[in-house]
Amino acid sequence: MTRFKDLSKLTKNEIDQKIDEIRMDIIKARVTAGKGGKVKIREIKKTLANLLMLKSKNKQTNNQNSKQIIKKS
């Protein structure tokens, strides 16, 4: 599992690429799930949730910044 601190340093494009990569990892883990597969899937899902949260947080900050720019104009 990737640490949140490391994920927060990624750029917007890197976050999108990582999300696609992790979604594929989930599919692969489900296919090969054995006794310990569920733990791995859970960790992958947590990482995916963190990335999606970062993506939405970045989107909110961009919206707020654009609103501030419009108000200043």
PDB file of N, CA and C in Angstrom:
ATOM      1  N   MET A   1       0.841  -1.177   0.000  1.00  0.00           N
ATOM      2  CA  MET A   1       0.000   0.000   0.000  1.00  0.00           C
ATOM      3  C   MET A   1       0.882   1.233   0.000  1.00  0.00           C
ATOM      4  N   THR A   2       0.523   2.195  -0.801  1.00  0.00           N
ATOM      5  CA  THR A   2       1.276   3.424  -0.898  1.00  0.00           C
ATOM      6  C   THR A   2       0.819   4.387   0.192  1.00  0.00           C
ATOM      7  N   ARG A   3       1.780   5.089   0.776  1.00  0.00           N
ATOM      8  CA  ARG A   3       1.461   6.018   1.849  1.00  0.00           C
ATOM      9  C   ARG A   3       0.800   7.264   1.274  1.00  0.00           C
ATOM     10  N   PHE A   4      -0.103   7.853   2.058  1.00  0.00           N
ATOM     11  CA  PHE A   4      -0.843   9.032   1.626  1.00  0.00           C
ATOM     12  C   PHE A   4       0.109  10.200   1.376  1.00  0.00           C
ATOM     13  N   LYS A   5       1.145  10.297   2.184  1.00  0.00           N
ATOM     14  CA  LYS A   5       2.124  11.371   2.039  1.00  0.00           C
ATOM     15  C   LYS A   5       2.773  11.314   0.661  1.00  0.00           C
ATOM     16  N   ASP A   6       3.068  10.103   0.199  1.00  0.00           N
ATOM     17  CA  ASP A   6       3.677   9.937  -1.121  1.00  0.00           C
ATOM     18  C   ASP A   6       2.678  10.248  -2.236  1.00  0.00           C
ATOM     19  N   LEU A   7       1.432   9.870  -2.018  1.00  0.00           N
ATOM     20  CA  LEU A   7       0.411  10.108  -3.031  1.00  0.00           C
ATOM     21  C   LEU A   7       0.115  11.590  -3.197  1.00  0.00           C
ATOM     22  N   SER A   8       0.183  12.353  -2.111  1.00  0.00           N
ATOM     23  CA  SER A   8      -0.153  13.769  -2.179  1.00  0.00           C
ATOM     24  C   SER A   8       0.876  14.567  -2.977  1.00  0.00           C
ATOM     25  N   LYS A   9       2.049  13.992  -3.228  1.00  0.00           N
ATOM     26  CA  LYS A   9       3.089  14.670  -3.995  1.00  0.00           C
ATOM     27  C   LYS A   9       2.907  14.496  -5.499  1.00  0.00           C
ATOM     28  N   LEU A  10       1.966  13.652  -5.914  1.00  0.00           N
ATOM     29  CA  LEU A  10       1.769  13.374  -7.330  1.00  0.00           C
ATOM     30  C   LEU A  10       1.058  14.529  -8.032  1.00  0.00           C
ATOM     31  N   THR A  11       1.344  14.683  -9.312  1.00  0.00           N
ATOM     32  CA  THR A  11       0.648  15.694 -10.112  1.00  0.00           C
ATOM     33  C   THR A  11      -0.708  15.142 -10.543  1.00  0.00           C
ATOM     34  N   LYS A  12      -1.506  16.018 -11.148  1.00  0.00           N
ATOM     35  CA  LYS A  12      -2.850  15.629 -11.562  1.00  0.00           C
ATOM     36  C   LYS A  12      -2.812  14.487 -12.576  1.00  0.00           C
ATOM     37  N   ASN A  13      -1.923  14.575 -13.546  1.00  0.00           N
ATOM     38  CA  ASN A  13      -1.820  13.516 -14.560  1.00  0.00           C
ATOM     39  C   ASN A  13      -1.326  12.209 -13.957  1.00  0.00           C
ATOM     40  N   GLU A  14      -0.383  12.296 -13.030  1.00  0.00           N
ATOM     41  CA  GLU A  14       0.133  11.093 -12.377  1.00  0.00           C
ATOM     42  C   GLU A  14      -0.955  10.430 -11.543  1.00  0.00           C
ATOM     43  N   ILE A  15      -1.806  11.227 -10.911  1.00  0.00           N
ATOM     44  CA  ILE A  15      -2.915  10.680 -10.122  1.00  0.00           C
ATOM     45  C   ILE A  15      -3.862   9.917 -11.037  1.00  0.00           C
ATOM     46  N   ASP A  16      -4.198  10.498 -12.188  1.00  0.00           N
ATOM     47  CA  ASP A  16      -5.095   9.824 -13.133  1.00  0.00           C
ATOM     48  C   ASP A  16      -4.499   8.510 -13.631  1.00  0.00           C
ATOM     49  N   GLN A  17      -3.207   8.518 -13.945  1.00  0.00           N
ATOM     50  CA  GLN A  17      -2.543   7.295 -14.394  1.00  0.00           C
ATOM     51  C   GLN A  17      -2.525   6.247 -13.294  1.00  0.00           C
ATOM     52  N   LYS A  18      -2.246   6.680 -12.073  1.00  0.00           N
ATOM     53  CA  LYS A  18      -2.188   5.759 -10.942  1.00  0.00           C
ATOM     54  C   LYS A  18      -3.566   5.143 -10.675  1.00  0.00           C
ATOM     55  N   ILE A  19      -4.630   5.937 -10.814  1.00  0.00           N
ATOM     56  CA  ILE A  19      -5.993   5.434 -10.618  1.00  0.00           C
ATOM     57  C   ILE A  19      -6.285   4.322 -11.624  1.00  0.00           C
ATOM     58  N   ASP A  20      -5.956   4.556 -12.893  1.00  0.00           N
ATOM     59  CA  ASP A  20      -6.180   3.531 -13.918  1.00  0.00           C
ATOM     60  C   ASP A  20      -5.383   2.267 -13.621  1.00  0.00           C
ATOM     61  N   GLU A  21      -4.138   2.470 -13.191  1.00  0.00           N
ATOM     62  CA  GLU A  21      -3.269   1.336 -12.875  1.00  0.00           C
ATOM     63  C   GLU A  21      -3.816   0.523 -11.699  1.00  0.00           C
ATOM     64  N   ILE A  22      -4.298   1.202 -10.691  1.00  0.00           N
ATOM     65  CA  ILE A  22      -4.805   0.516  -9.500  1.00  0.00           C
ATOM     66  C   ILE A  22      -6.109  -0.204  -9.796  1.00  0.00           C
ATOM     67  N   ARG A  23      -6.942   0.378 -10.640  1.00  0.00           N
ATOM     68  CA  ARG A  23      -8.184  -0.309 -11.024  1.00  0.00           C
ATOM     69  C   ARG A  23      -7.875  -1.623 -11.735  1.00  0.00           C
ATOM     70  N   MET A  24      -6.839  -1.626 -12.557  1.00  0.00           N
ATOM     71  CA  MET A  24      -6.420  -2.865 -13.214  1.00  0.00           C
ATOM     72  C   MET A  24      -5.871  -3.856 -12.190  1.00  0.00           C
ATOM     73  N   ASP A  25      -5.152  -3.350 -11.197  1.00  0.00           N
ATOM     74  CA  ASP A  25      -4.628  -4.218 -10.138  1.00  0.00           C
ATOM     75  C   ASP A  25      -5.759  -4.894  -9.364  1.00  0.00           C
ATOM     76  N   ILE A  26      -6.844  -4.162  -9.133  1.00  0.00           N
ATOM     77  CA  ILE A  26      -7.994  -4.743  -8.429  1.00  0.00           C
ATOM     78  C   ILE A  26      -8.577  -5.887  -9.244  1.00  0.00           C
ATOM     79  N   ILE A  27      -8.717  -5.672 -10.541  1.00  0.00           N
ATOM     80  CA  ILE A  27      -9.270  -6.720 -11.409  1.00  0.00           C
ATOM     81  C   ILE A  27      -8.371  -7.960 -11.383  1.00  0.00           C
ATOM     82  N   LYS A  28      -7.053  -7.739 -11.493  1.00  0.00           N
ATOM     83  CA  LYS A  28      -6.114  -8.859 -11.467  1.00  0.00           C
ATOM     84  C   LYS A  28      -6.148  -9.577 -10.125  1.00  0.00           C
ATOM     85  N   ALA A  29      -6.260  -8.824  -9.031  1.00  0.00           N
ATOM     86  CA  ALA A  29      -6.277  -9.429  -7.703  1.00  0.00           C
ATOM     87  C   ALA A  29      -7.542 -10.255  -7.495  1.00  0.00           C
ATOM     88  N   ARG A  30      -8.657  -9.801  -8.047  1.00  0.00           N
ATOM     89  CA  ARG A  30      -9.909 -10.560  -7.917  1.00  0.00           C
ATOM     90  C   ARG A  30      -9.813 -11.886  -8.659  1.00  0.00           C
ATOM     91  N   VAL A  31      -9.167 -11.847  -9.799  1.00  0.00           N
ATOM     92  CA  VAL A  31      -9.034 -13.069 -10.601  1.00  0.00           C
ATOM     93  C   VAL A  31      -8.159 -14.090  -9.882  1.00  0.00           C
ATOM     94  N   THR A  32      -7.084 -13.611  -9.302  1.00  0.00           N
ATOM     95  CA  THR A  32      -6.131 -14.517  -8.666  1.00  0.00           C
ATOM     96  C   THR A  32      -6.335 -14.633  -7.152  1.00  0.00           C
ATOM     97  N   ALA A  33      -7.490 -14.168  -6.675  1.00  0.00           N
ATOM     98  CA  ALA A  33      -7.732 -14.166  -5.229  1.00  0.00           C
ATOM     99  C   ALA A  33      -7.737 -15.586  -4.679  1.00  0.00           C
ATOM    100  N   GLY A  34      -6.905 -15.793  -3.699  1.00  0.00           N
ATOM    101  CA  GLY A  34      -6.861 -17.071  -2.997  1.00  0.00           C
ATOM    102  C   GLY A  34      -7.166 -16.801  -1.547  1.00  0.00           C
ATOM    103  N   LYS A  35      -6.467 -17.472  -0.681  1.00  0.00           N
ATOM    104  CA  LYS A  35      -6.707 -17.274   0.749  1.00  0.00           C
ATOM    105  C   LYS A  35      -6.320 -15.869   1.196  1.00  0.00           C
ATOM    106  N   GLY A  36      -5.193 -15.363   0.758  1.00  0.00           N
ATOM    107  CA  GLY A  36      -4.736 -14.053   1.194  1.00  0.00           C
ATOM    108  C   GLY A  36      -5.107 -12.937   0.249  1.00  0.00           C
ATOM    109  N   GLY A  37      -5.869 -13.240  -0.777  1.00  0.00           N
ATOM    110  CA  GLY A  37      -6.216 -12.255  -1.784  1.00  0.00           C
ATOM    111  C   GLY A  37      -7.098 -11.133  -1.290  1.00  0.00           C
ATOM    112  N   LYS A  38      -7.944 -11.423  -0.335  1.00  0.00           N
ATOM    113  CA  LYS A  38      -8.876 -10.411   0.149  1.00  0.00           C
ATOM    114  C   LYS A  38      -8.152  -9.274   0.857  1.00  0.00           C
ATOM    115  N   VAL A  39      -7.088  -9.584   1.555  1.00  0.00           N
ATOM    116  CA  VAL A  39      -6.316  -8.550   2.243  1.00  0.00           C
ATOM    117  C   VAL A  39      -5.662  -7.630   1.219  1.00  0.00           C
ATOM    118  N   LYS A  40      -5.129  -8.215   0.169  1.00  0.00           N
ATOM    119  CA  LYS A  40      -4.483  -7.422  -0.877  1.00  0.00           C
ATOM    120  C   LYS A  40      -5.506  -6.527  -1.567  1.00  0.00           C
ATOM    121  N   ILE A  41      -6.674  -7.049  -1.852  1.00  0.00           N
ATOM    122  CA  ILE A  41      -7.730  -6.262  -2.488  1.00  0.00           C
ATOM    123  C   ILE A  41      -8.124  -5.095  -1.590  1.00  0.00           C
ATOM    124  N   ARG A  42      -8.228  -5.338  -0.308  1.00  0.00           N
ATOM    125  CA  ARG A  42      -8.599  -4.287   0.633  1.00  0.00           C
ATOM    126  C   ARG A  42      -7.558  -3.164   0.631  1.00  0.00           C
ATOM    127  N   GLU A  43      -6.281  -3.527   0.617  1.00  0.00           N
ATOM    128  CA  GLU A  43      -5.214  -2.526   0.594  1.00  0.00           C
ATOM    129  C   GLU A  43      -5.239  -1.726  -0.700  1.00  0.00           C
ATOM    130  N   ILE A  44      -5.495  -2.402  -1.813  1.00  0.00           N
ATOM    131  CA  ILE A  44      -5.563  -1.721  -3.104  1.00  0.00           C
ATOM    132  C   ILE A  44      -6.735  -0.747  -3.120  1.00  0.00           C
ATOM    133  N   LYS A  45      -7.864  -1.161  -2.561  1.00  0.00           N
ATOM    134  CA  LYS A  45      -9.034  -0.293  -2.525  1.00  0.00           C
ATOM    135  C   LYS A  45      -8.791   0.938  -1.660  1.00  0.00           C
ATOM    136  N   LYS A  46      -8.051   0.783  -0.567  1.00  0.00           N
ATOM    137  CA  LYS A  46      -7.730   1.927   0.288  1.00  0.00           C
ATOM    138  C   LYS A  46      -6.863   2.927  -0.465  1.00  0.00           C
ATOM    139  N   THR A  47      -5.902   2.420  -1.199  1.00  0.00           N
ATOM    140  CA  THR A  47      -5.047   3.300  -2.000  1.00  0.00           C
ATOM    141  C   THR A  47      -5.868   4.019  -3.065  1.00  0.00           C
ATOM    142  N   LEU A  48      -6.771   3.293  -3.710  1.00  0.00           N
ATOM    143  CA  LEU A  48      -7.638   3.888  -4.717  1.00  0.00           C
ATOM    144  C   LEU A  48      -8.515   4.980  -4.098  1.00  0.00           C
ATOM    145  N   ALA A  49      -9.055   4.724  -2.925  1.00  0.00           N
ATOM    146  CA  ALA A  49      -9.885   5.715  -2.245  1.00  0.00           C
ATOM    147  C   ALA A  49      -9.078   6.974  -1.930  1.00  0.00           C
ATOM    148  N   ASN A  50      -7.850   6.806  -1.485  1.00  0.00           N
ATOM    149  CA  ASN A  50      -7.001   7.961  -1.206  1.00  0.00           C
ATOM    150  C   ASN A  50      -6.733   8.774  -2.469  1.00  0.00           C
ATOM    151  N   LEU A  51      -6.474   8.095  -3.575  1.00  0.00           N
ATOM    152  CA  LEU A  51      -6.228   8.794  -4.831  1.00  0.00           C
ATOM    153  C   LEU A  51      -7.463   9.553  -5.307  1.00  0.00           C
ATOM    154  N   LEU A  52      -8.618   8.918  -5.198  1.00  0.00           N
ATOM    155  CA  LEU A  52      -9.853   9.585  -5.610  1.00  0.00           C
ATOM    156  C   LEU A  52     -10.147  10.787  -4.725  1.00  0.00           C
ATOM    157  N   MET A  53      -9.831  10.671  -3.437  1.00  0.00           N
ATOM    158  CA  MET A  53     -10.014  11.791  -2.528  1.00  0.00           C
ATOM    159  C   MET A  53      -9.090  12.945  -2.909  1.00  0.00           C
ATOM    160  N   LEU A  54      -7.840  12.635  -3.226  1.00  0.00           N
ATOM    161  CA  LEU A  54      -6.898  13.670  -3.654  1.00  0.00           C
ATOM    162  C   LEU A  54      -7.367  14.344  -4.936  1.00  0.00           C
ATOM    163  N   LYS A  55      -7.890  13.547  -5.852  1.00  0.00           N
ATOM    164  CA  LYS A  55      -8.361  14.091  -7.117  1.00  0.00           C
ATOM    165  C   LYS A  55      -9.522  15.060  -6.896  1.00  0.00           C
ATOM    166  N   SER A  56     -10.476  14.685  -6.059  1.00  0.00           N
ATOM    167  CA  SER A  56     -11.619  15.566  -5.800  1.00  0.00           C
ATOM    168  C   SER A  56     -11.187  16.792  -4.998  1.00  0.00           C
ATOM    169  N   LYS A  57     -10.228  16.613  -4.104  1.00  0.00           N
ATOM    170  CA  LYS A  57      -9.730  17.741  -3.318  1.00  0.00           C
ATOM    171  C   LYS A  57      -9.029  18.751  -4.226  1.00  0.00           C
ATOM    172  N   ASN A  58      -8.237  18.246  -5.181  1.00  0.00           N
ATOM    173  CA  ASN A  58      -7.570  19.124  -6.142  1.00  0.00           C
ATOM    174  C   ASN A  58      -8.587  19.857  -7.008  1.00  0.00           C
ATOM    175  N   LYS A  59      -9.646  19.158  -7.382  1.00  0.00           N
ATOM    176  CA  LYS A  59     -10.681  19.767  -8.209  1.00  0.00           C
ATOM    177  C   LYS A  59     -11.386  20.883  -7.430  1.00  0.00           C
ATOM    178  N   GLN A  60     -11.656  20.656  -6.151  1.00  0.00           N
ATOM    179  CA  GLN A  60     -12.300  21.672  -5.327  1.00  0.00           C
ATOM    180  C   GLN A  60     -11.402  22.890  -5.171  1.00  0.00           C
ATOM    181  N   THR A  61     -10.116  22.670  -4.956  1.00  0.00           N
ATOM    182  CA  THR A  61      -9.182  23.791  -4.798  1.00  0.00           C
ATOM    183  C   THR A  61      -9.089  24.585  -6.094  1.00  0.00           C
ATOM    184  N   ASN A  62      -9.075  23.896  -7.223  1.00  0.00           N
ATOM    185  CA  ASN A  62      -9.029  24.593  -8.507  1.00  0.00           C
ATOM    186  C   ASN A  62     -10.284  25.420  -8.725  1.00  0.00           C
ATOM    187  N   ASN A  63     -11.443  24.902  -8.340  1.00  0.00           N
ATOM    188  CA  ASN A  63     -12.697  25.644  -8.477  1.00  0.00           C
ATOM    189  C   ASN A  63     -12.684  26.880  -7.586  1.00  0.00           C
ATOM    190  N   GLN A  64     -12.193  26.739  -6.368  1.00  0.00           N
ATOM    191  CA  GLN A  64     -12.143  27.871  -5.449  1.00  0.00           C
ATOM    192  C   GLN A  64     -11.177  28.929  -5.964  1.00  0.00           C
ATOM    193  N   ASN A  65     -10.038  28.491  -6.489  1.00  0.00           N
ATOM    194  CA  ASN A  65      -9.067  29.453  -7.027  1.00  0.00           C
ATOM    195  C   ASN A  65      -9.628  30.186  -8.224  1.00  0.00           C
ATOM    196  N   SER A  66     -10.344  29.489  -9.096  1.00  0.00           N
ATOM    197  CA  SER A  66     -10.918  30.151 -10.268  1.00  0.00           C
ATOM    198  C   SER A  66     -12.017  31.123  -9.866  1.00  0.00           C
ATOM    199  N   LYS A  67     -12.778  30.805  -8.820  1.00  0.00           N
ATOM    200  CA  LYS A  67     -13.810  31.730  -8.333  1.00  0.00           C
ATOM    201  C   LYS A  67     -13.183  32.981  -7.770  1.00  0.00           C
ATOM    202  N   GLN A  68     -12.058  32.830  -7.066  1.00  0.00           N
ATOM    203  CA  GLN A  68     -11.378  33.984  -6.493  1.00  0.00           C
ATOM    204  C   GLN A  68     -10.824  34.882  -7.594  1.00  0.00           C
ATOM    205  N   ILE A  69     -10.325  34.279  -8.668  1.00  0.00           N
ATOM    206  CA  ILE A  69      -9.794  35.042  -9.780  1.00  0.00           C
ATOM    207  C   ILE A  69     -10.904  35.832 -10.456  1.00  0.00           C
ATOM    208  N   ILE A  70     -12.066  35.202 -10.610  1.00  0.00           N
ATOM    209  CA  ILE A  70     -13.203  35.871 -11.241  1.00  0.00           C
ATOM    210  C   ILE A  70     -13.654  37.044 -10.372  1.00  0.00           C
ATOM    211  N   LYS A  71     -13.693  36.860  -9.066  1.00  0.00           N
ATOM    212  CA  LYS A  71     -14.130  37.932  -8.165  1.00  0.00           C
ATOM    213  C   LYS A  71     -13.160  39.108  -8.204  1.00  0.00           C
ATOM    214  N   LYS A  72     -11.875  38.832  -8.354  1.00  0.00           N
ATOM    215  CA  LYS A  72     -10.869  39.902  -8.387  1.00  0.00           C
ATOM    216  C   LYS A  72     -10.958  40.710  -9.671  1.00  0.00           C
ATOM    217  N   SER A  73     -11.428  40.083 -10.743  1.00  0.00           N
ATOM    218  CA  SER A  73     -11.473  40.771 -12.047  1.00  0.00           C
ATOM    219  C   SER A  73     -12.511  41.828 -12.112  1.00  0.00           C
TER     220      SER A  73
END
